[in-house]
C-alpha atoms as a PDB file:
ATOM      1  CA  MET A   1     -24.177  32.485 -23.282  1.00  0.00           C
ATOM      2  CA  ILE A   2     -20.773  34.199 -22.600  1.00  0.00           C
ATOM      3  CA  PHE A   3     -18.163  34.557 -25.532  1.00  0.00           C
ATOM      4  CA  ARG A   4     -14.645  34.356 -25.269  1.00  0.00           C
ATOM      5  CA  ASN A   5     -13.675  37.617 -25.809  1.00  0.00           C
ATOM      6  CA  ASP A   6     -15.861  39.283 -23.175  1.00  0.00           C
ATOM      7  CA  VAL A   7     -14.457  36.928 -20.696  1.00  0.00           C
ATOM      8  CA  ALA A   8     -10.686  38.025 -21.351  1.00  0.00           C
ATOM      9  CA  THR A   9     -11.891  41.393 -21.458  1.00  0.00           C
ATOM     10  CA  SER A  10     -13.490  41.278 -18.095  1.00  0.00           C
ATOM     11  CA  LEU A  11     -10.399  39.663 -16.384  1.00  0.00           C
ATOM     12  CA  ARG A  12      -8.202  42.382 -17.838  1.00  0.00           C
ATOM     13  CA  LEU A  13     -10.196  45.065 -16.511  1.00  0.00           C
ATOM     14  CA  ARG A  14     -10.291  43.848 -13.349  1.00  0.00           C
ATOM     15  CA  GLN A  15      -6.459  43.109 -13.222  1.00  0.00           C
ATOM     16  CA  GLU A  16      -6.256  46.920 -13.985  1.00  0.00           C
ATOM     17  CA  ARG A  17      -8.766  47.750 -11.010  1.00  0.00           C
ATOM     18  CA  LEU A  18      -6.826  46.051  -8.870  1.00  0.00           C
ATOM     19  CA  LYS A  19      -3.480  47.769 -10.160  1.00  0.00           C
ATOM     20  CA  ARG A  20      -4.630  50.970  -9.394  1.00  0.00           C
ATOM     21  CA  ASN A  21      -6.001  49.964  -6.356  1.00  0.00           C
ATOM     22  CA  GLU A  22      -2.747  49.085  -4.950  1.00  0.00           C
ATOM     23  CA  VAL A  23      -0.763  51.729  -6.194  1.00  0.00           C
ATOM     24  CA  LEU A  24      -3.828  54.104  -4.766  1.00  0.00           C
ATOM     25  CA  GLU A  25      -3.196  52.271  -1.349  1.00  0.00           C
ATOM     26  CA  LYS A  26       0.315  52.772  -1.556  1.00  0.00           C
ATOM     27  CA  LYS A  27       0.059  56.261  -2.259  1.00  0.00           C
ATOM     28  CA  VAL A  28      -2.287  56.675   0.669  1.00  0.00           C
ATOM     29  CA  ASN A  29      -0.055  54.282   2.934  1.00  0.00           C
ATOM     30  CA  GLU A  30       2.900  57.000   2.532  1.00  0.00           C
ATOM     31  CA  MET A  31       0.854  60.236   3.034  1.00  0.00           C
ATOM     32  CA  LYS A  32       0.168  58.728   6.383  1.00  0.00           C
ATOM     33  CA  ALA A  33       3.655  57.763   7.206  1.00  0.00           C
ATOM     34  CA  ARG A  34       4.777  61.644   5.970  1.00  0.00           C
ATOM     35  CA  LEU A  35       1.729  62.854   8.112  1.00  0.00           C
ATOM     36  CA  HIS A  36       2.944  61.151  11.081  1.00  0.00           C
ATOM     37  CA  GLU A  37       6.620  61.513  10.328  1.00  0.00           C
ATOM     38  CA  LYS A  38       5.173  65.520  10.489  1.00  0.00           C
ATOM     39  CA  SER A  39       3.700  64.865  13.519  1.00  0.00           C
ATOM     40  CA  THR A  40       6.064  63.268  15.408  1.00  0.00           C
ATOM     41  CA  THR A  41       8.536  65.708  14.702  1.00  0.00           C
ATOM     42  CA  SER A  42       6.789  69.182  15.151  1.00  0.00           C
ATOM     43  CA  ASN A  43       8.092  70.354  18.297  1.00  0.00           C
ATOM     44  CA  THR A  44       8.844  73.694  16.245  1.00  0.00           C
ATOM     45  CA  SER A  45       9.302  77.083  18.802  1.00  0.00           C
ATOM     46  CA  ILE A  46       6.764  80.195  17.925  1.00  0.00           C
ATOM     47  CA  LEU A  47       9.424  81.995  16.249  1.00  0.00           C
ATOM     48  CA  THR A  48       9.859  79.343  13.860  1.00  0.00           C
ATOM     49  CA  PHE A  49       5.903  79.330  13.466  1.00  0.00           C
ATOM     50  CA  PHE A  50       6.135  82.937  12.535  1.00  0.00           C
ATOM     51  CA  MET A  51       8.982  82.600   9.771  1.00  0.00           C
ATOM     52  CA  THR A  52       7.252  79.789   7.940  1.00  0.00           C
ATOM     53  CA  LYS A  53       3.539  80.177   7.617  1.00  0.00           C
ATOM     54  CA  TYR A  54       2.824  83.459   8.772  1.00  0.00           C
ATOM     55  CA  ARG A  55       6.418  84.977   7.255  1.00  0.00           C
ATOM     56  CA  ARG A  56       4.698  87.972   5.418  1.00  0.00           C
ATOM     57  CA  PRO A  57       2.281  88.973   7.867  1.00  0.00           C
ATOM     58  CA  PHE A  58       4.861  88.676  10.642  1.00  0.00           C
ATOM     59  CA  TYR A  59       6.804  91.042   8.184  1.00  0.00           C
ATOM     60  CA  ILE A  60       4.261  93.753   8.167  1.00  0.00           C
ATOM     61  CA  GLY A  61       2.849  93.773  11.998  1.00  0.00           C
ATOM     62  CA  LEU A  62       6.847  94.547  12.593  1.00  0.00           C
ATOM     63  CA  PHE A  63       7.161  97.048  10.017  1.00  0.00           C
ATOM     64  CA  THR A  64       3.616  98.350  11.323  1.00  0.00           C
ATOM     65  CA  LEU A  65       4.754  98.852  14.557  1.00  0.00           C
ATOM     66  CA  LEU A  66       8.474 100.285  13.616  1.00  0.00           C
ATOM     67  CA  THR A  67       6.992 103.022  12.044  1.00  0.00           C
ATOM     68  CA  GLY A  68       4.169 103.686  14.156  1.00  0.00           C
ATOM     69  CA  SER A  69       6.551 104.039  17.254  1.00  0.00           C
ATOM     70  CA  ILE A  70       8.626 106.491  14.945  1.00  0.00           C
ATOM     71  CA  PHE A  71       5.332 108.419  14.265  1.00  0.00           C
ATOM     72  CA  PHE A  72       4.107 108.825  17.564  1.00  0.00           C
ATOM     73  CA  TYR A  73       7.629 109.402  19.042  1.00  0.00           C
ATOM     74  CA  LYS A  74       7.843 112.270  16.446  1.00  0.00           C
ATOM     75  CA  PHE A  75       4.350 113.507  17.239  1.00  0.00           C
ATOM     76  CA  LEU A  76       5.074 113.187  21.287  1.00  0.00           C
ATOM     77  CA  THR A  77       8.118 115.335  20.795  1.00  0.00           C
ATOM     78  CA  SER A  78       6.677 117.912  18.544  1.00  0.00           C
ATOM     79  CA  ASN A  79       4.093 118.236  20.937  1.00  0.00           C
ATOM     80  CA  ASP A  80       6.161 118.902  23.741  1.00  0.00           C
ATOM     81  CA  ARG A  81       7.826 122.062  21.994  1.00  0.00           C
ATOM     82  CA  ASN A  82       4.596 123.912  21.485  1.00  0.00           C
ATOM     83  CA  HIS A  83       3.933 123.847  25.164  1.00  0.00           C
END
């Protein structure tokens, strides 16, 4: 014993579900296309790699090397005077 209202409701819900699935499938296909496009054009150099994803650690390391070299140079030159 199915009422007319139940049939209309189930039809409406089915159409909404199909519409949601179509939208979801469209988004998934767009993301796949973006990932494929990104993977085909990603012939980047190591400098570009460091300047984008690892920019902050790269600059910290560069700064550390520079200041460490300066302090090491100062240490060596001050010890040479004492001998």
